Amino acid sequence: MKNFHNTGIKLFMVFILTMSSQEIFAGTKKVCVFDLLGANGPVFSQMKDYKTAALDWGVELVLKPYTSERVATEDFKSGLCDAISFTGIRSRQFNSFTGSLDAVGALPSYAHLKSVIATISVKKAAKLMKSGAYEVVGIFPGGAVYLFVRDRSIDTVGELAGKRFAVMDSDPAQTDMVAFVGASPVGTSITNMYSKFNNGSVDITYGPAIVYEAMELHKGLQPAGGVIRFSLAQVTMQILIRSSGFPDGFGQKSRDYALNQFDQGVDLVNRYESKIPEKLWIEIPDADKARYKEVFRQSRIRLKNKGIYNAKMLKVMRMIRCKKDPLQPECTAADKE
C-alpha cells in the first residue's frame, strides 16, 4: 500500500510539472471564417495555418467556412462562434480603430499597411485592440482595392459623375464617398455586387485582385472595360475573439504571428494581381492621381466628423504616409485628419 501511495504521489507530481511546462488548453473554440470561395479559398487556407499555430497558444480551433460575410457576422454576434475572420469593413462595428484601416485612400501601398500593422501590433497598443468584450487578434493583407469599369474611358474623378457605382449596403462610408464624387450609388452585398457588374446593372465596381478570377469579372469587362491601376484602399482580413473565452496572452501571441505572416500574405496578393491581363490595366496621369488623393482626403475628414472613421487610426495612418513621403501636400495642410 505504501509503494502504491508513493507511486501515486510521483505520478501526480509528474502531471503538475508537465502542465506547468506547457499551455493548459482552453478547450475547443469555433471560428466563423468568411471566404468568398468557401473552404477552397485562400483565406480559409490561411486560417488552417493559423489553427495549427493556435495550438501552441493553448487553444484548439474548429473552422467553419462562410461565403456570406453577413451570415458569418450574425452567427458570431449570436454566440454560435467564439471568433471570426472577416474584412476590416465588417469589423468596424466591433472595433472602430482597426475597422478604419480600410479608410479610402489612407494606405497607398502594402509597405504603408505593414508599417501601420507593425505600429499597432506592439504590446503598448494592446488596449486599442480591445473594445468591450471583443479583441482584434490578427490583421492580414487582403489586397489593394481597384476600380473595375465597364468603359475604360472612365479614368478620372470627373468621369465618375452620373455612373452607376456598386456599394455595399453594410458600409455607409462607401455610399457617402460615391455620392461625394457625383456617381449614383447602387446598394449591393458582397455576394451580388459582382454579378450586377457582369450583367450591366452597374457601371463600376471595386475590389482586390482576387475578385477578378473568383467572380469572373472578365465577363463584365468585355468588350471595352478595364481596371484602374490606382489603389483606392487596402482590404484587411481581421480575426476577432471574445476575450473572456481565451487564455491570457492569446491576443498578443496571435497579433505577433499575423505580423510575421504579412509578407507571405502580400506574395499571395501579388499572384492574384498578376492574373489580371496587362491589357486590362488602365494607367492614369500623376495629375489625376493627385486629384484622387485630395478627394479621398476630404472624404476621410468628412467621414471622421460623422463618426464613421476612427480619428486616432486616421492620425496613425497620416503619420505613416508623411513619414514615407513628407513632401505630400497633406503633410502641411491646415485641415489635418
C-alpha atoms as a PDB file:
ATOM      1  CA  MET A   1       0.000   0.000   0.000  1.00  0.00           C
ATOM      2  CA  LYS A   2       2.891   2.341   0.860  1.00  0.00           C
ATOM      3  CA  ASN A   3       4.549   1.747  -2.555  1.00  0.00           C
ATOM      4  CA  PHE A   4       1.219   2.396  -4.283  1.00  0.00           C
ATOM      5  CA  HIS A   5       0.817   5.652  -2.338  1.00  0.00           C
ATOM      6  CA  ASN A   6       4.327   6.803  -3.257  1.00  0.00           C
ATOM      7  CA  THR A   7       3.764   5.920  -6.902  1.00  0.00           C
ATOM      8  CA  GLY A   8       0.548   7.937  -6.908  1.00  0.00           C
ATOM      9  CA  ILE A   9       2.321  10.981  -5.495  1.00  0.00           C
ATOM     10  CA  LYS A  10       5.074  10.683  -8.102  1.00  0.00           C
ATOM     11  CA  LEU A  11       2.549  10.453 -10.948  1.00  0.00           C
ATOM     12  CA  PHE A  12       0.703  13.479  -9.602  1.00  0.00           C
ATOM     13  CA  MET A  13       3.961  15.483  -9.410  1.00  0.00           C
ATOM     14  CA  VAL A  14       4.867  14.476 -12.967  1.00  0.00           C
ATOM     15  CA  PHE A  15       1.412  15.686 -14.101  1.00  0.00           C
ATOM     16  CA  ILE A  16       1.816  19.039 -12.340  1.00  0.00           C
ATOM     17  CA  LEU A  17       5.315  19.574 -13.751  1.00  0.00           C
ATOM     18  CA  THR A  18       4.150  18.635 -17.223  1.00  0.00           C
ATOM     19  CA  MET A  19       1.205  21.022 -17.126  1.00  0.00           C
ATOM     20  CA  SER A  20       3.363  23.868 -15.812  1.00  0.00           C
ATOM     21  CA  SER A  21       5.785  23.483 -18.700  1.00  0.00           C
ATOM     22  CA  GLN A  22       3.171  23.871 -21.436  1.00  0.00           C
ATOM     23  CA  GLU A  23      -0.048  25.724 -22.102  1.00  0.00           C
ATOM     24  CA  ILE A  24      -3.204  24.406 -20.473  1.00  0.00           C
ATOM     25  CA  PHE A  25      -5.726  24.155 -23.289  1.00  0.00           C
ATOM     26  CA  ALA A  26      -8.724  26.450 -23.020  1.00  0.00           C
ATOM     27  CA  GLY A  27     -10.856  23.951 -24.902  1.00  0.00           C
ATOM     28  CA  THR A  28     -12.194  23.884 -28.438  1.00  0.00           C
ATOM     29  CA  LYS A  29     -13.240  27.204 -29.954  1.00  0.00           C
ATOM     30  CA  LYS A  30     -15.284  27.641 -33.130  1.00  0.00           C
ATOM     31  CA  VAL A  31     -14.215  30.242 -35.713  1.00  0.00           C
ATOM     32  CA  CYS A  32     -16.559  31.655 -38.364  1.00  0.00           C
ATOM     33  CA  VAL A  33     -14.355  32.146 -41.443  1.00  0.00           C
ATOM     34  CA  PHE A  34     -15.570  34.340 -44.282  1.00  0.00           C
ATOM     35  CA  ASP A  35     -14.099  33.486 -47.678  1.00  0.00           C
ATOM     36  CA  LEU A  36     -15.796  34.236 -50.990  1.00  0.00           C
ATOM     37  CA  LEU A  37     -14.624  30.824 -52.182  1.00  0.00           C
ATOM     38  CA  GLY A  38     -15.606  28.990 -49.026  1.00  0.00           C
ATOM     39  CA  ALA A  39     -13.435  26.140 -47.764  1.00  0.00           C
ATOM     40  CA  ASN A  40     -11.466  26.172 -51.035  1.00  0.00           C
ATOM     41  CA  GLY A  41     -10.450  29.817 -50.791  1.00  0.00           C
ATOM     42  CA  PRO A  42      -7.165  31.476 -49.805  1.00  0.00           C
ATOM     43  CA  VAL A  43      -8.471  32.954 -46.549  1.00  0.00           C
ATOM     44  CA  PHE A  44      -9.702  29.595 -45.300  1.00  0.00           C
ATOM     45  CA  SER A  45      -6.352  28.060 -46.263  1.00  0.00           C
ATOM     46  CA  GLN A  46      -4.564  30.805 -44.325  1.00  0.00           C
ATOM     47  CA  MET A  47      -6.768  30.094 -41.325  1.00  0.00           C
ATOM     48  CA  LYS A  48      -5.748  26.420 -41.398  1.00  0.00           C
ATOM     49  CA  ASP A  49      -2.170  27.538 -40.744  1.00  0.00           C
ATOM     50  CA  TYR A  50      -3.439  29.859 -38.029  1.00  0.00           C
ATOM     51  CA  LYS A  51      -5.294  26.948 -36.440  1.00  0.00           C
ATOM     52  CA  THR A  52      -2.045  24.989 -36.228  1.00  0.00           C
ATOM     53  CA  ALA A  53      -0.224  27.948 -34.670  1.00  0.00           C
ATOM     54  CA  ALA A  54      -3.004  28.448 -32.101  1.00  0.00           C
ATOM     55  CA  LEU A  55      -2.325  25.023 -30.597  1.00  0.00           C
ATOM     56  CA  ASP A  56       0.916  26.447 -29.195  1.00  0.00           C
ATOM     57  CA  TRP A  57      -1.088  29.251 -27.551  1.00  0.00           C
ATOM     58  CA  GLY A  58      -3.346  26.818 -25.739  1.00  0.00           C
ATOM     59  CA  VAL A  59      -6.406  26.780 -27.997  1.00  0.00           C
ATOM     60  CA  GLU A  60      -7.794  24.213 -30.395  1.00  0.00           C
ATOM     61  CA  LEU A  61      -9.803  25.877 -33.157  1.00  0.00           C
ATOM     62  CA  VAL A  62     -12.595  24.473 -35.299  1.00  0.00           C
ATOM     63  CA  LEU A  63     -13.009  26.401 -38.550  1.00  0.00           C
ATOM     64  CA  LYS A  64     -16.406  26.889 -40.168  1.00  0.00           C
ATOM     65  CA  PRO A  65     -16.405  28.375 -43.710  1.00  0.00           C
ATOM     66  CA  TYR A  66     -18.919  31.010 -44.843  1.00  0.00           C
ATOM     67  CA  THR A  67     -19.391  32.520 -48.289  1.00  0.00           C
ATOM     68  CA  SER A  68     -21.708  35.169 -46.824  1.00  0.00           C
ATOM     69  CA  GLU A  69     -19.955  37.683 -44.598  1.00  0.00           C
ATOM     70  CA  ARG A  70     -23.263  38.946 -43.245  1.00  0.00           C
ATOM     71  CA  VAL A  71     -24.300  35.475 -42.067  1.00  0.00           C
ATOM     72  CA  ALA A  72     -20.862  34.847 -40.552  1.00  0.00           C
ATOM     73  CA  THR A  73     -21.086  38.122 -38.639  1.00  0.00           C
ATOM     74  CA  GLU A  74     -24.594  37.392 -37.358  1.00  0.00           C
ATOM     75  CA  ASP A  75     -23.558  33.918 -36.206  1.00  0.00           C
ATOM     76  CA  PHE A  76     -20.623  35.429 -34.334  1.00  0.00           C
ATOM     77  CA  LYS A  77     -22.858  38.041 -32.716  1.00  0.00           C
ATOM     78  CA  SER A  78     -25.335  35.398 -31.603  1.00  0.00           C
ATOM     79  CA  GLY A  79     -22.611  33.309 -29.989  1.00  0.00           C
ATOM     80  CA  LEU A  80     -22.549  30.447 -32.487  1.00  0.00           C
ATOM     81  CA  CYS A  81     -18.852  31.175 -32.957  1.00  0.00           C
ATOM     82  CA  ASP A  82     -16.207  32.178 -30.417  1.00  0.00           C
ATOM     83  CA  ALA A  83     -14.120  34.010 -33.008  1.00  0.00           C
ATOM     84  CA  ILE A  84     -14.465  35.303 -36.545  1.00  0.00           C
ATOM     85  CA  SER A  85     -12.266  36.036 -39.543  1.00  0.00           C
ATOM     86  CA  PHE A  86     -13.757  38.713 -41.797  1.00  0.00           C
ATOM     87  CA  THR A  87     -12.998  42.010 -43.531  1.00  0.00           C
ATOM     88  CA  GLY A  88     -11.992  45.206 -41.787  1.00  0.00           C
ATOM     89  CA  ILE A  89     -15.165  46.858 -43.069  1.00  0.00           C
ATOM     90  CA  ARG A  90     -17.331  44.435 -41.079  1.00  0.00           C
ATOM     91  CA  SER A  91     -15.014  44.584 -38.071  1.00  0.00           C
ATOM     92  CA  ARG A  92     -15.650  48.336 -37.701  1.00  0.00           C
ATOM     93  CA  GLN A  93     -18.901  47.668 -35.817  1.00  0.00           C
ATOM     94  CA  PHE A  94     -16.868  45.862 -33.130  1.00  0.00           C
ATOM     95  CA  ASN A  95     -13.693  47.982 -33.128  1.00  0.00           C
ATOM     96  CA  SER A  96     -13.699  51.313 -34.957  1.00  0.00           C
ATOM     97  CA  PHE A  97      -9.916  51.675 -34.578  1.00  0.00           C
ATOM     98  CA  THR A  98      -8.846  48.632 -36.630  1.00  0.00           C
ATOM     99  CA  GLY A  99     -12.066  48.910 -38.631  1.00  0.00           C
ATOM    100  CA  SER A 100     -10.816  52.188 -40.087  1.00  0.00           C
ATOM    101  CA  LEU A 101      -7.756  50.607 -41.719  1.00  0.00           C
ATOM    102  CA  ASP A 102      -9.810  50.342 -44.904  1.00  0.00           C
ATOM    103  CA  ALA A 103     -10.416  54.124 -44.988  1.00  0.00           C
ATOM    104  CA  VAL A 104     -10.453  55.316 -48.584  1.00  0.00           C
ATOM    105  CA  GLY A 105      -7.030  56.359 -49.880  1.00  0.00           C
ATOM    106  CA  ALA A 106      -5.430  56.097 -46.434  1.00  0.00           C
ATOM    107  CA  LEU A 107      -2.815  53.454 -47.272  1.00  0.00           C
ATOM    108  CA  PRO A 108      -1.373  53.788 -50.792  1.00  0.00           C
ATOM    109  CA  SER A 109       0.807  50.645 -50.690  1.00  0.00           C
ATOM    110  CA  TYR A 110       1.450  47.374 -48.904  1.00  0.00           C
ATOM    111  CA  ALA A 111       4.518  48.966 -47.317  1.00  0.00           C
ATOM    112  CA  HIS A 112       2.245  51.574 -45.723  1.00  0.00           C
ATOM    113  CA  LEU A 113      -0.122  48.867 -44.493  1.00  0.00           C
ATOM    114  CA  LYS A 114       2.711  46.822 -42.998  1.00  0.00           C
ATOM    115  CA  SER A 115       4.083  49.864 -41.161  1.00  0.00           C
ATOM    116  CA  VAL A 116       0.682  50.591 -39.622  1.00  0.00           C
ATOM    117  CA  ILE A 117       0.055  46.968 -38.602  1.00  0.00           C
ATOM    118  CA  ALA A 118       3.546  46.787 -37.068  1.00  0.00           C
ATOM    119  CA  THR A 119       2.866  50.017 -35.165  1.00  0.00           C
ATOM    120  CA  ILE A 120      -0.441  48.890 -33.688  1.00  0.00           C
ATOM    121  CA  SER A 121       0.567  45.269 -33.011  1.00  0.00           C
ATOM    122  CA  VAL A 122       3.061  46.086 -30.240  1.00  0.00           C
ATOM    123  CA  LYS A 123       2.147  45.370 -26.610  1.00  0.00           C
ATOM    124  CA  LYS A 124       1.811  49.084 -25.849  1.00  0.00           C
ATOM    125  CA  ALA A 125      -1.092  49.290 -28.313  1.00  0.00           C
ATOM    126  CA  ALA A 126      -2.902  46.225 -26.968  1.00  0.00           C
ATOM    127  CA  LYS A 127      -5.620  48.318 -25.314  1.00  0.00           C
ATOM    128  CA  LEU A 128      -6.583  49.740 -28.723  1.00  0.00           C
ATOM    129  CA  MET A 129      -7.253  46.193 -29.923  1.00  0.00           C
ATOM    130  CA  LYS A 130      -9.880  45.682 -27.247  1.00  0.00           C
ATOM    131  CA  SER A 131     -13.392  47.071 -27.303  1.00  0.00           C
ATOM    132  CA  GLY A 132     -15.875  45.798 -24.766  1.00  0.00           C
ATOM    133  CA  ALA A 133     -15.995  42.007 -24.892  1.00  0.00           C
ATOM    134  CA  TYR A 134     -14.088  41.830 -28.162  1.00  0.00           C
ATOM    135  CA  GLU A 135     -10.418  41.812 -29.124  1.00  0.00           C
ATOM    136  CA  VAL A 136      -8.759  42.035 -32.533  1.00  0.00           C
ATOM    137  CA  VAL A 137      -6.064  39.351 -32.510  1.00  0.00           C
ATOM    138  CA  GLY A 138      -4.790  39.394 -36.091  1.00  0.00           C
ATOM    139  CA  ILE A 139      -4.703  41.592 -39.180  1.00  0.00           C
ATOM    140  CA  PHE A 140      -3.735  40.179 -42.576  1.00  0.00           C
ATOM    141  CA  PRO A 141      -3.419  41.885 -46.004  1.00  0.00           C
ATOM    142  CA  GLY A 142      -6.314  41.167 -48.332  1.00  0.00           C
ATOM    143  CA  GLY A 143      -5.135  43.227 -51.289  1.00  0.00           C
ATOM    144  CA  ALA A 144      -5.324  46.739 -52.689  1.00  0.00           C
ATOM    145  CA  VAL A 145      -8.770  47.788 -53.886  1.00  0.00           C
ATOM    146  CA  TYR A 146      -9.075  48.719 -57.555  1.00  0.00           C
ATOM    147  CA  LEU A 147     -11.904  50.139 -59.658  1.00  0.00           C
ATOM    148  CA  PHE A 148     -13.308  47.800 -62.308  1.00  0.00           C
ATOM    149  CA  VAL A 149     -15.046  49.833 -65.043  1.00  0.00           C
ATOM    150  CA  ARG A 150     -17.130  48.633 -67.974  1.00  0.00           C
ATOM    151  CA  ASP A 151     -15.927  51.624 -70.030  1.00  0.00           C
ATOM    152  CA  ARG A 152     -12.187  52.245 -69.838  1.00  0.00           C
ATOM    153  CA  SER A 153     -12.699  55.930 -70.666  1.00  0.00           C
ATOM    154  CA  ILE A 154     -13.836  56.302 -67.029  1.00  0.00           C
ATOM    155  CA  ASP A 155     -10.419  57.031 -65.561  1.00  0.00           C
ATOM    156  CA  THR A 156     -10.711  60.382 -63.753  1.00  0.00           C
ATOM    157  CA  VAL A 157     -12.717  61.636 -60.784  1.00  0.00           C
ATOM    158  CA  GLY A 158     -14.849  63.850 -63.022  1.00  0.00           C
ATOM    159  CA  GLU A 159     -15.861  60.941 -65.244  1.00  0.00           C
ATOM    160  CA  LEU A 160     -17.376  59.090 -62.293  1.00  0.00           C
ATOM    161  CA  ALA A 161     -20.264  61.584 -62.232  1.00  0.00           C
ATOM    162  CA  GLY A 162     -23.599  60.008 -63.079  1.00  0.00           C
ATOM    163  CA  LYS A 163     -22.230  56.479 -63.347  1.00  0.00           C
ATOM    164  CA  ARG A 164     -23.911  53.610 -61.511  1.00  0.00           C
ATOM    165  CA  PHE A 165     -21.464  52.610 -58.797  1.00  0.00           C
ATOM    166  CA  ALA A 166     -21.890  49.408 -56.740  1.00  0.00           C
ATOM    167  CA  VAL A 167     -21.569  49.995 -52.992  1.00  0.00           C
ATOM    168  CA  MET A 168     -22.068  47.627 -50.081  1.00  0.00           C
ATOM    169  CA  ASP A 169     -25.168  48.371 -48.037  1.00  0.00           C
ATOM    170  CA  SER A 170     -23.246  47.443 -44.882  1.00  0.00           C
ATOM    171  CA  ASP A 171     -20.773  50.327 -45.236  1.00  0.00           C
ATOM    172  CA  PRO A 172     -22.132  53.907 -45.070  1.00  0.00           C
ATOM    173  CA  ALA A 173     -18.648  55.233 -45.894  1.00  0.00           C
ATOM    174  CA  GLN A 174     -18.904  53.843 -49.420  1.00  0.00           C
ATOM    175  CA  THR A 175     -22.282  55.429 -50.111  1.00  0.00           C
ATOM    176  CA  ASP A 176     -21.035  58.764 -48.798  1.00  0.00           C
ATOM    177  CA  MET A 177     -17.862  58.644 -50.888  1.00  0.00           C
ATOM    178  CA  VAL A 178     -19.622  57.685 -54.121  1.00  0.00           C
ATOM    179  CA  ALA A 179     -22.259  60.386 -53.683  1.00  0.00           C
ATOM    180  CA  PHE A 180     -19.498  62.911 -52.964  1.00  0.00           C
ATOM    181  CA  VAL A 181     -17.889  62.374 -56.394  1.00  0.00           C
ATOM    182  CA  GLY A 182     -21.273  62.646 -58.135  1.00  0.00           C
ATOM    183  CA  ALA A 183     -21.786  58.982 -59.010  1.00  0.00           C
ATOM    184  CA  SER A 184     -25.031  57.119 -58.361  1.00  0.00           C
ATOM    185  CA  PRO A 185     -24.600  54.560 -55.556  1.00  0.00           C
ATOM    186  CA  VAL A 186     -26.336  51.239 -56.133  1.00  0.00           C
ATOM    187  CA  GLY A 187     -26.762  49.219 -52.941  1.00  0.00           C
ATOM    188  CA  THR A 188     -25.421  45.660 -53.099  1.00  0.00           C
ATOM    189  CA  SER A 189     -23.981  42.963 -50.885  1.00  0.00           C
ATOM    190  CA  ILE A 190     -20.554  41.419 -51.379  1.00  0.00           C
ATOM    191  CA  THR A 191     -22.296  38.337 -52.781  1.00  0.00           C
ATOM    192  CA  ASN A 192     -24.153  40.106 -55.619  1.00  0.00           C
ATOM    193  CA  MET A 193     -22.172  43.253 -56.428  1.00  0.00           C
ATOM    194  CA  TYR A 194     -20.033  41.424 -58.961  1.00  0.00           C
ATOM    195  CA  SER A 195     -22.909  39.702 -60.724  1.00  0.00           C
ATOM    196  CA  LYS A 196     -24.516  43.151 -61.082  1.00  0.00           C
ATOM    197  CA  PHE A 197     -21.323  44.360 -62.742  1.00  0.00           C
ATOM    198  CA  ASN A 198     -21.166  41.375 -65.064  1.00  0.00           C
ATOM    199  CA  ASN A 199     -24.787  41.753 -66.191  1.00  0.00           C
ATOM    200  CA  GLY A 200     -24.503  45.515 -66.713  1.00  0.00           C
ATOM    201  CA  SER A 201     -26.676  46.640 -63.779  1.00  0.00           C
ATOM    202  CA  VAL A 202     -23.796  48.842 -62.583  1.00  0.00           C
ATOM    203  CA  ASP A 203     -21.037  50.613 -64.497  1.00  0.00           C
ATOM    204  CA  ILE A 204     -18.382  50.413 -61.807  1.00  0.00           C
ATOM    205  CA  THR A 205     -17.449  48.004 -59.060  1.00  0.00           C
ATOM    206  CA  TYR A 206     -14.339  47.570 -56.964  1.00  0.00           C
ATOM    207  CA  GLY A 207     -12.348  45.021 -55.022  1.00  0.00           C
ATOM    208  CA  PRO A 208      -8.962  43.372 -54.583  1.00  0.00           C
ATOM    209  CA  ALA A 209      -7.438  41.450 -57.473  1.00  0.00           C
ATOM    210  CA  ILE A 210      -8.721  38.097 -56.239  1.00  0.00           C
ATOM    211  CA  VAL A 211     -12.269  39.000 -57.320  1.00  0.00           C
ATOM    212  CA  TYR A 212     -11.218  39.228 -60.989  1.00  0.00           C
ATOM    213  CA  GLU A 213     -10.852  35.459 -61.235  1.00  0.00           C
ATOM    214  CA  ALA A 214     -13.105  34.358 -58.386  1.00  0.00           C
ATOM    215  CA  MET A 215     -16.111  36.407 -59.588  1.00  0.00           C
ATOM    216  CA  GLU A 216     -15.348  36.034 -63.318  1.00  0.00           C
ATOM    217  CA  LEU A 217     -15.147  39.788 -63.870  1.00  0.00           C
ATOM    218  CA  HIS A 218     -13.721  39.271 -67.344  1.00  0.00           C
ATOM    219  CA  LYS A 219     -17.387  38.956 -68.369  1.00  0.00           C
ATOM    220  CA  GLY A 220     -18.256  42.486 -67.225  1.00  0.00           C
ATOM    221  CA  LEU A 221     -15.006  43.955 -68.539  1.00  0.00           C
ATOM    222  CA  GLN A 222     -15.704  42.823 -72.102  1.00  0.00           C
ATOM    223  CA  PRO A 223     -15.517  44.373 -74.589  1.00  0.00           C
ATOM    224  CA  ALA A 224     -14.282  47.821 -73.525  1.00  0.00           C
ATOM    225  CA  GLY A 225     -13.685  47.727 -69.779  1.00  0.00           C
ATOM    226  CA  GLY A 226     -10.584  47.853 -67.638  1.00  0.00           C
ATOM    227  CA  VAL A 227      -9.034  48.034 -64.174  1.00  0.00           C
ATOM    228  CA  ILE A 228      -7.677  51.367 -62.947  1.00  0.00           C
ATOM    229  CA  ARG A 229      -4.191  50.806 -61.571  1.00  0.00           C
ATOM    230  CA  PHE A 230      -4.572  53.038 -58.531  1.00  0.00           C
ATOM    231  CA  SER A 231      -5.188  51.752 -55.026  1.00  0.00           C
ATOM    232  CA  LEU A 232      -8.419  53.073 -53.505  1.00  0.00           C
ATOM    233  CA  ALA A 233      -7.937  51.370 -50.150  1.00  0.00           C
ATOM    234  CA  GLN A 234      -6.457  48.295 -48.515  1.00  0.00           C
ATOM    235  CA  VAL A 235      -8.613  45.300 -47.721  1.00  0.00           C
ATOM    236  CA  THR A 236      -7.662  43.663 -44.435  1.00  0.00           C
ATOM    237  CA  MET A 237      -8.823  40.343 -43.060  1.00  0.00           C
ATOM    238  CA  GLN A 238      -9.153  40.585 -39.301  1.00  0.00           C
ATOM    239  CA  ILE A 239      -9.569  37.959 -36.596  1.00  0.00           C
ATOM    240  CA  LEU A 240     -11.791  38.927 -33.687  1.00  0.00           C
ATOM    241  CA  ILE A 241     -12.401  36.957 -30.490  1.00  0.00           C
ATOM    242  CA  ARG A 242     -14.483  37.188 -27.346  1.00  0.00           C
ATOM    243  CA  SER A 243     -11.602  37.750 -24.955  1.00  0.00           C
ATOM    244  CA  SER A 244     -13.165  36.039 -21.945  1.00  0.00           C
ATOM    245  CA  GLY A 245     -13.112  32.638 -23.652  1.00  0.00           C
ATOM    246  CA  PHE A 246      -9.412  32.640 -24.476  1.00  0.00           C
ATOM    247  CA  PRO A 247      -6.254  32.303 -22.335  1.00  0.00           C
ATOM    248  CA  ASP A 248      -4.397  35.381 -21.124  1.00  0.00           C
ATOM    249  CA  GLY A 249      -1.777  36.436 -23.654  1.00  0.00           C
ATOM    250  CA  PHE A 250      -3.521  34.740 -26.578  1.00  0.00           C
ATOM    251  CA  GLY A 251      -4.234  38.064 -28.297  1.00  0.00           C
ATOM    252  CA  GLN A 252      -0.649  39.304 -28.308  1.00  0.00           C
ATOM    253  CA  LYS A 253       0.780  35.974 -29.464  1.00  0.00           C
ATOM    254  CA  SER A 254      -1.793  35.930 -32.241  1.00  0.00           C
ATOM    255  CA  ARG A 255      -1.020  39.505 -33.345  1.00  0.00           C
ATOM    256  CA  ASP A 256       2.703  38.744 -33.414  1.00  0.00           C
ATOM    257  CA  TYR A 257       2.012  35.700 -35.579  1.00  0.00           C
ATOM    258  CA  ALA A 258      -0.157  37.701 -38.007  1.00  0.00           C
ATOM    259  CA  LEU A 259       2.521  40.367 -38.418  1.00  0.00           C
ATOM    260  CA  ASN A 260       5.127  37.679 -39.168  1.00  0.00           C
ATOM    261  CA  GLN A 261       2.835  36.311 -41.889  1.00  0.00           C
ATOM    262  CA  PHE A 262       2.402  39.698 -43.601  1.00  0.00           C
ATOM    263  CA  ASP A 263       4.975  39.261 -46.387  1.00  0.00           C
ATOM    264  CA  GLN A 264       3.643  35.820 -47.234  1.00  0.00           C
ATOM    265  CA  GLY A 265       0.170  37.327 -47.497  1.00  0.00           C
ATOM    266  CA  VAL A 266       1.375  40.046 -49.870  1.00  0.00           C
ATOM    267  CA  ASP A 267       3.079  37.412 -52.050  1.00  0.00           C
ATOM    268  CA  LEU A 268      -0.307  35.717 -52.444  1.00  0.00           C
ATOM    269  CA  VAL A 269      -1.994  39.047 -53.242  1.00  0.00           C
ATOM    270  CA  ASN A 270       0.650  39.795 -55.885  1.00  0.00           C
ATOM    271  CA  ARG A 271      -0.015  36.448 -57.546  1.00  0.00           C
ATOM    272  CA  TYR A 272      -3.689  37.344 -57.901  1.00  0.00           C
ATOM    273  CA  GLU A 273      -2.809  40.769 -59.298  1.00  0.00           C
ATOM    274  CA  SER A 274      -0.556  39.136 -61.901  1.00  0.00           C
ATOM    275  CA  LYS A 275      -3.544  37.101 -63.138  1.00  0.00           C
ATOM    276  CA  ILE A 276      -5.241  40.248 -64.453  1.00  0.00           C
ATOM    277  CA  PRO A 277      -4.120  40.565 -68.106  1.00  0.00           C
ATOM    278  CA  GLU A 278      -1.828  43.534 -68.649  1.00  0.00           C
ATOM    279  CA  LYS A 279      -4.048  44.832 -71.464  1.00  0.00           C
ATOM    280  CA  LEU A 280      -6.876  45.405 -68.960  1.00  0.00           C
ATOM    281  CA  TRP A 281      -4.924  47.714 -66.673  1.00  0.00           C
ATOM    282  CA  ILE A 282      -5.628  51.437 -67.079  1.00  0.00           C
ATOM    283  CA  GLU A 283      -2.829  53.848 -66.192  1.00  0.00           C
ATOM    284  CA  ILE A 284      -3.785  57.344 -65.065  1.00  0.00           C
ATOM    285  CA  PRO A 285      -1.630  60.523 -65.142  1.00  0.00           C
ATOM    286  CA  ASP A 286       0.041  61.778 -61.966  1.00  0.00           C
ATOM    287  CA  ALA A 287      -2.150  64.876 -62.049  1.00  0.00           C
ATOM    288  CA  ASP A 288      -5.270  62.717 -61.850  1.00  0.00           C
ATOM    289  CA  LYS A 289      -3.721  60.691 -59.025  1.00  0.00           C
ATOM    290  CA  ALA A 290      -3.191  63.925 -57.108  1.00  0.00           C
ATOM    291  CA  ARG A 291      -6.874  64.805 -57.602  1.00  0.00           C
ATOM    292  CA  TYR A 292      -7.956  61.375 -56.400  1.00  0.00           C
ATOM    293  CA  LYS A 293      -5.772  61.757 -53.285  1.00  0.00           C
ATOM    294  CA  GLU A 294      -7.310  65.106 -52.393  1.00  0.00           C
ATOM    295  CA  VAL A 295     -10.853  63.811 -52.922  1.00  0.00           C
ATOM    296  CA  PHE A 296     -10.024  60.848 -50.688  1.00  0.00           C
ATOM    297  CA  ARG A 297      -8.513  63.113 -48.007  1.00  0.00           C
ATOM    298  CA  GLN A 298     -11.561  65.350 -47.898  1.00  0.00           C
ATOM    299  CA  SER A 299     -13.766  62.269 -47.738  1.00  0.00           C
ATOM    300  CA  ARG A 300     -11.820  60.843 -44.779  1.00  0.00           C
ATOM    301  CA  ILE A 301     -12.113  64.114 -42.873  1.00  0.00           C
ATOM    302  CA  ARG A 302     -15.843  64.277 -43.560  1.00  0.00           C
ATOM    303  CA  LEU A 303     -16.374  60.653 -42.522  1.00  0.00           C
ATOM    304  CA  LYS A 304     -14.312  61.172 -39.381  1.00  0.00           C
ATOM    305  CA  ASN A 305     -16.540  64.105 -38.453  1.00  0.00           C
ATOM    306  CA  LYS A 306     -19.570  61.875 -38.993  1.00  0.00           C
ATOM    307  CA  GLY A 307     -18.137  59.300 -36.608  1.00  0.00           C
ATOM    308  CA  ILE A 308     -17.681  56.636 -39.281  1.00  0.00           C
ATOM    309  CA  TYR A 309     -13.866  56.619 -39.326  1.00  0.00           C
ATOM    310  CA  ASN A 310     -11.826  56.499 -36.120  1.00  0.00           C
ATOM    311  CA  ALA A 311      -9.848  59.727 -35.579  1.00  0.00           C
ATOM    312  CA  LYS A 312      -6.952  58.004 -33.802  1.00  0.00           C
ATOM    313  CA  MET A 313      -6.460  55.490 -36.618  1.00  0.00           C
ATOM    314  CA  LEU A 314      -6.614  58.239 -39.256  1.00  0.00           C
ATOM    315  CA  LYS A 315      -3.900  60.088 -37.336  1.00  0.00           C
ATOM    316  CA  VAL A 316      -1.679  56.975 -37.224  1.00  0.00           C
ATOM    317  CA  MET A 317      -2.071  56.387 -40.965  1.00  0.00           C
ATOM    318  CA  ARG A 318      -1.383  60.038 -41.796  1.00  0.00           C
ATOM    319  CA  MET A 319       1.762  59.866 -39.668  1.00  0.00           C
ATOM    320  CA  ILE A 320       2.956  56.814 -41.648  1.00  0.00           C
ATOM    321  CA  ARG A 321       2.174  58.455 -45.009  1.00  0.00           C
ATOM    322  CA  CYS A 322       4.039  61.640 -44.119  1.00  0.00           C
ATOM    323  CA  LYS A 323       6.972  59.698 -42.707  1.00  0.00           C
ATOM    324  CA  LYS A 324       7.345  57.873 -46.018  1.00  0.00           C
ATOM    325  CA  ASP A 325       6.701  60.962 -48.169  1.00  0.00           C
ATOM    326  CA  PRO A 326       6.944  64.230 -46.183  1.00  0.00           C
ATOM    327  CA  LEU A 327       6.568  66.338 -49.335  1.00  0.00           C
ATOM    328  CA  GLN A 328       2.931  65.337 -49.838  1.00  0.00           C
ATOM    329  CA  PRO A 329       0.649  68.433 -49.664  1.00  0.00           C
ATOM    330  CA  GLU A 330      -1.422  66.858 -46.875  1.00  0.00           C
ATOM    331  CA  CYS A 331       1.588  66.880 -44.550  1.00  0.00           C
ATOM    332  CA  THR A 332       1.395  70.664 -44.291  1.00  0.00           C
ATOM    333  CA  ALA A 333      -2.355  71.054 -44.826  1.00  0.00           C
ATOM    334  CA  ALA A 334      -4.244  73.110 -42.246  1.00  0.00           C
ATOM    335  CA  ASP A 335      -7.234  70.729 -42.139  1.00  0.00           C
ATOM    336  CA  LYS A 336      -5.486  67.646 -40.781  1.00  0.00           C
ATOM    337  CA  GLU A 337      -7.140  64.297 -40.248  1.00  0.00           C
END
